[in-house]
């Protein structure tokens, strides 16, 4: 049963990945436009926004997945996943 929980987590992350990327890439496109047409502080904001979005994508897709996988692996006899 443990493998069913791991498979459920994997499927959840697989389905959420496209949505997460879509929303964040849209924001990065807006930041690129701000950088291209902005001056001074607006360009600085665009760079900061882009770095924040990239770190958010990394944290969401990789770090949280690893932490959740470790949590699920720790619960070896778990047969249900409470959300």
N, C-alpha and C. Protein backbone atom coordinates (compact mmCIF):
# COMPACT_ATOMS: atom_id res chain seq x y z
N UNK A 1 0.80 -1.20 0.00
CA UNK A 1 0.00 0.00 0.00
C UNK A 1 0.84 1.27 0.00
N UNK A 2 2.05 1.17 0.53
CA UNK A 2 2.93 2.33 0.60
C UNK A 2 3.21 2.87 -0.79
N UNK A 3 3.32 1.97 -1.75
CA UNK A 3 3.61 2.40 -3.11
C UNK A 3 2.44 3.16 -3.73
N UNK A 4 1.23 2.89 -3.30
CA UNK A 4 0.07 3.62 -3.79
C UNK A 4 0.11 5.08 -3.34
N UNK A 5 0.54 5.30 -2.11
CA UNK A 5 0.66 6.68 -1.60
C UNK A 5 1.74 7.41 -2.38
N UNK A 6 2.89 6.78 -2.58
CA UNK A 6 3.96 7.42 -3.35
C UNK A 6 3.50 7.71 -4.78
N UNK A 7 2.77 6.79 -5.38
CA UNK A 7 2.27 7.00 -6.74
C UNK A 7 1.26 8.14 -6.80
N UNK A 8 0.42 8.25 -5.77
CA UNK A 8 -0.54 9.35 -5.70
C UNK A 8 0.18 10.69 -5.61
N UNK A 9 1.21 10.75 -4.80
CA UNK A 9 1.99 11.99 -4.67
C UNK A 9 2.66 12.33 -5.99
N UNK A 10 3.24 11.34 -6.65
CA UNK A 10 3.90 11.57 -7.93
C UNK A 10 2.91 12.07 -8.98
N UNK A 11 1.74 11.44 -9.04
CA UNK A 11 0.72 11.87 -10.00
C UNK A 11 0.24 13.29 -9.71
N UNK A 12 0.11 13.63 -8.44
CA UNK A 12 -0.30 14.98 -8.07
C UNK A 12 0.71 16.02 -8.51
N UNK A 13 1.97 15.74 -8.28
CA UNK A 13 3.02 16.67 -8.71
C UNK A 13 3.09 16.75 -10.24
N UNK A 14 2.92 15.62 -10.92
CA UNK A 14 2.96 15.64 -12.38
C UNK A 14 1.83 16.49 -12.95
N UNK A 15 0.65 16.40 -12.37
CA UNK A 15 -0.49 17.17 -12.88
C UNK A 15 -0.36 18.65 -12.53
N UNK A 16 0.24 18.96 -11.41
CA UNK A 16 0.37 20.36 -10.98
C UNK A 16 1.51 21.08 -11.67
N UNK A 17 2.49 20.35 -12.18
CA UNK A 17 3.68 20.96 -12.76
C UNK A 17 3.35 21.90 -13.91
N UNK A 18 2.50 21.48 -14.82
CA UNK A 18 2.17 22.31 -15.98
C UNK A 18 1.49 23.61 -15.56
N UNK A 19 0.59 23.52 -14.60
CA UNK A 19 -0.10 24.72 -14.12
C UNK A 19 0.87 25.67 -13.43
N UNK A 20 1.76 25.13 -12.62
CA UNK A 20 2.74 25.96 -11.93
C UNK A 20 3.65 26.66 -12.93
N UNK A 21 4.14 25.92 -13.91
CA UNK A 21 5.00 26.51 -14.93
C UNK A 21 4.26 27.56 -15.75
N UNK A 22 3.02 27.30 -16.12
CA UNK A 22 2.24 28.24 -16.92
C UNK A 22 2.08 29.58 -16.20
N UNK A 23 1.69 29.52 -14.95
CA UNK A 23 1.48 30.76 -14.20
C UNK A 23 2.78 31.54 -14.02
N UNK A 24 3.86 30.85 -13.72
CA UNK A 24 5.12 31.54 -13.46
C UNK A 24 5.78 32.03 -14.74
N UNK A 25 5.67 31.29 -15.82
CA UNK A 25 6.26 31.74 -17.08
C UNK A 25 5.53 32.98 -17.59
N UNK A 26 4.23 33.05 -17.38
CA UNK A 26 3.47 34.25 -17.74
C UNK A 26 4.00 35.46 -16.98
N UNK A 27 4.30 35.29 -15.71
CA UNK A 27 4.84 36.40 -14.92
C UNK A 27 6.24 36.77 -15.38
N UNK A 28 7.05 35.79 -15.75
CA UNK A 28 8.39 36.08 -16.26
C UNK A 28 8.31 36.86 -17.58
N UNK A 29 7.35 36.53 -18.43
CA UNK A 29 7.17 37.28 -19.68
C UNK A 29 6.83 38.73 -19.36
N UNK A 30 5.97 38.95 -18.37
CA UNK A 30 5.64 40.32 -17.97
C UNK A 30 6.88 41.04 -17.44
N UNK A 31 7.73 40.33 -16.70
CA UNK A 31 8.96 40.93 -16.17
C UNK A 31 9.91 41.29 -17.31
N UNK A 32 9.98 40.46 -18.34
CA UNK A 32 10.84 40.76 -19.49
C UNK A 32 10.35 42.01 -20.20
N UNK A 33 9.04 42.14 -20.34
CA UNK A 33 8.48 43.34 -20.99
C UNK A 33 8.76 44.57 -20.14
N UNK A 34 8.61 44.44 -18.82
CA UNK A 34 8.94 45.57 -17.93
C UNK A 34 10.40 45.96 -18.06
N UNK A 35 11.28 44.98 -18.14
CA UNK A 35 12.70 45.27 -18.25
C UNK A 35 13.02 45.96 -19.58
N UNK A 36 12.40 45.50 -20.64
CA UNK A 36 12.70 46.04 -21.96
C UNK A 36 12.22 47.48 -22.11
N UNK A 37 11.04 47.76 -21.58
CA UNK A 37 10.47 49.10 -21.80
C UNK A 37 10.63 50.03 -20.60
N UNK A 38 11.04 49.51 -19.47
CA UNK A 38 11.18 50.33 -18.27
C UNK A 38 12.55 50.97 -18.17
N UNK A 39 12.67 51.87 -17.22
CA UNK A 39 13.96 52.51 -16.94
C UNK A 39 14.19 52.50 -15.43
N UNK A 40 15.44 52.54 -15.03
CA UNK A 40 15.82 52.67 -13.63
C UNK A 40 15.18 51.67 -12.70
N UNK A 41 14.37 52.18 -11.77
CA UNK A 41 13.77 51.30 -10.77
C UNK A 41 12.85 50.22 -11.35
N UNK A 42 12.22 50.52 -12.46
CA UNK A 42 11.33 49.53 -13.08
C UNK A 42 12.14 48.34 -13.57
N UNK A 43 13.31 48.60 -14.14
CA UNK A 43 14.19 47.50 -14.57
C UNK A 43 14.68 46.69 -13.37
N UNK A 44 15.01 47.38 -12.30
CA UNK A 44 15.44 46.68 -11.08
C UNK A 44 14.32 45.80 -10.53
N UNK A 45 13.10 46.32 -10.57
CA UNK A 45 11.96 45.52 -10.14
C UNK A 45 11.79 44.30 -11.03
N UNK A 46 11.97 44.46 -12.33
CA UNK A 46 11.82 43.34 -13.26
C UNK A 46 12.85 42.25 -12.98
N UNK A 47 14.07 42.65 -12.70
CA UNK A 47 15.12 41.67 -12.39
C UNK A 47 14.80 40.96 -11.08
N UNK A 48 14.40 41.71 -10.07
CA UNK A 48 14.07 41.13 -8.78
C UNK A 48 12.86 40.19 -8.90
N UNK A 49 11.87 40.59 -9.66
CA UNK A 49 10.69 39.76 -9.88
C UNK A 49 11.07 38.45 -10.57
N UNK A 50 11.92 38.55 -11.59
CA UNK A 50 12.35 37.34 -12.31
C UNK A 50 13.12 36.39 -11.41
N UNK A 51 14.03 36.91 -10.61
CA UNK A 51 14.78 36.06 -9.68
C UNK A 51 13.85 35.41 -8.65
N UNK A 52 12.89 36.16 -8.17
CA UNK A 52 11.93 35.61 -7.22
C UNK A 52 11.08 34.51 -7.83
N UNK A 53 10.65 34.71 -9.06
CA UNK A 53 9.83 33.69 -9.74
C UNK A 53 10.66 32.44 -10.00
N UNK A 54 11.89 32.60 -10.45
CA UNK A 54 12.74 31.44 -10.71
C UNK A 54 13.01 30.64 -9.43
N UNK A 55 13.27 31.35 -8.33
CA UNK A 55 13.49 30.64 -7.07
C UNK A 55 12.20 29.98 -6.58
N UNK A 56 11.07 30.60 -6.84
CA UNK A 56 9.78 30.02 -6.47
C UNK A 56 9.50 28.74 -7.27
N UNK A 57 9.81 28.77 -8.56
CA UNK A 57 9.62 27.57 -9.39
C UNK A 57 10.50 26.44 -8.87
N UNK A 58 11.77 26.74 -8.59
CA UNK A 58 12.69 25.73 -8.09
C UNK A 58 12.19 25.14 -6.78
N UNK A 59 11.78 26.01 -5.86
CA UNK A 59 11.31 25.54 -4.56
C UNK A 59 10.04 24.71 -4.70
N UNK A 60 9.12 25.17 -5.53
CA UNK A 60 7.86 24.47 -5.68
C UNK A 60 8.03 23.10 -6.33
N UNK A 61 8.80 23.03 -7.38
CA UNK A 61 8.89 21.79 -8.14
C UNK A 61 9.89 20.80 -7.58
N UNK A 62 10.95 21.26 -6.95
CA UNK A 62 11.99 20.34 -6.52
C UNK A 62 12.07 20.19 -4.99
N UNK A 63 12.24 21.28 -4.30
CA UNK A 63 12.46 21.21 -2.85
C UNK A 63 11.24 20.65 -2.13
N UNK A 64 10.05 21.20 -2.42
CA UNK A 64 8.86 20.70 -1.73
C UNK A 64 8.58 19.25 -2.10
N UNK A 65 8.88 18.87 -3.33
CA UNK A 65 8.67 17.48 -3.75
C UNK A 65 9.59 16.54 -2.97
N UNK A 66 10.83 16.92 -2.82
CA UNK A 66 11.78 16.11 -2.08
C UNK A 66 11.37 16.00 -0.60
N UNK A 67 10.97 17.12 -0.01
CA UNK A 67 10.55 17.10 1.40
C UNK A 67 9.32 16.22 1.57
N UNK A 68 8.36 16.33 0.67
CA UNK A 68 7.15 15.53 0.79
C UNK A 68 7.45 14.06 0.55
N UNK A 69 8.35 13.74 -0.38
CA UNK A 69 8.74 12.35 -0.60
C UNK A 69 9.40 11.76 0.65
N UNK A 70 10.24 12.54 1.31
CA UNK A 70 10.87 12.08 2.55
C UNK A 70 9.83 11.84 3.63
N UNK A 71 8.84 12.71 3.71
CA UNK A 71 7.77 12.56 4.68
C UNK A 71 6.98 11.28 4.41
N UNK A 72 6.64 11.03 3.16
CA UNK A 72 5.88 9.83 2.81
C UNK A 72 6.72 8.58 3.05
N UNK A 73 8.00 8.63 2.73
CA UNK A 73 8.88 7.47 2.96
C UNK A 73 9.01 7.16 4.44
N UNK A 74 8.94 8.19 5.28
CA UNK A 74 9.04 7.99 6.73
C UNK A 74 7.82 7.24 7.26
N UNK A 75 6.69 7.45 6.64
CA UNK A 75 5.44 6.81 7.06
C UNK A 75 5.28 5.49 6.30
N UNK A 76 6.14 4.52 6.59
CA UNK A 76 6.22 3.27 5.83
C UNK A 76 4.91 2.50 5.84
N UNK A 77 4.21 2.43 6.96
CA UNK A 77 3.00 1.64 7.05
C UNK A 77 1.73 2.45 6.74
N UNK A 78 1.88 3.61 6.22
CA UNK A 78 0.74 4.46 5.93
C UNK A 78 -0.01 3.92 4.71
N UNK A 79 -1.31 3.73 4.85
CA UNK A 79 -2.11 3.22 3.73
C UNK A 79 -3.03 4.28 3.17
N UNK A 80 -3.21 5.39 3.90
CA UNK A 80 -4.07 6.47 3.42
C UNK A 80 -3.29 7.77 3.50
N UNK A 81 -3.59 8.66 2.57
CA UNK A 81 -2.95 9.97 2.56
C UNK A 81 -4.00 11.01 2.88
N UNK A 82 -3.88 11.63 4.01
CA UNK A 82 -4.84 12.63 4.44
C UNK A 82 -4.40 13.99 3.90
N UNK A 83 -5.30 14.62 3.22
CA UNK A 83 -4.98 15.92 2.61
C UNK A 83 -5.68 17.02 3.36
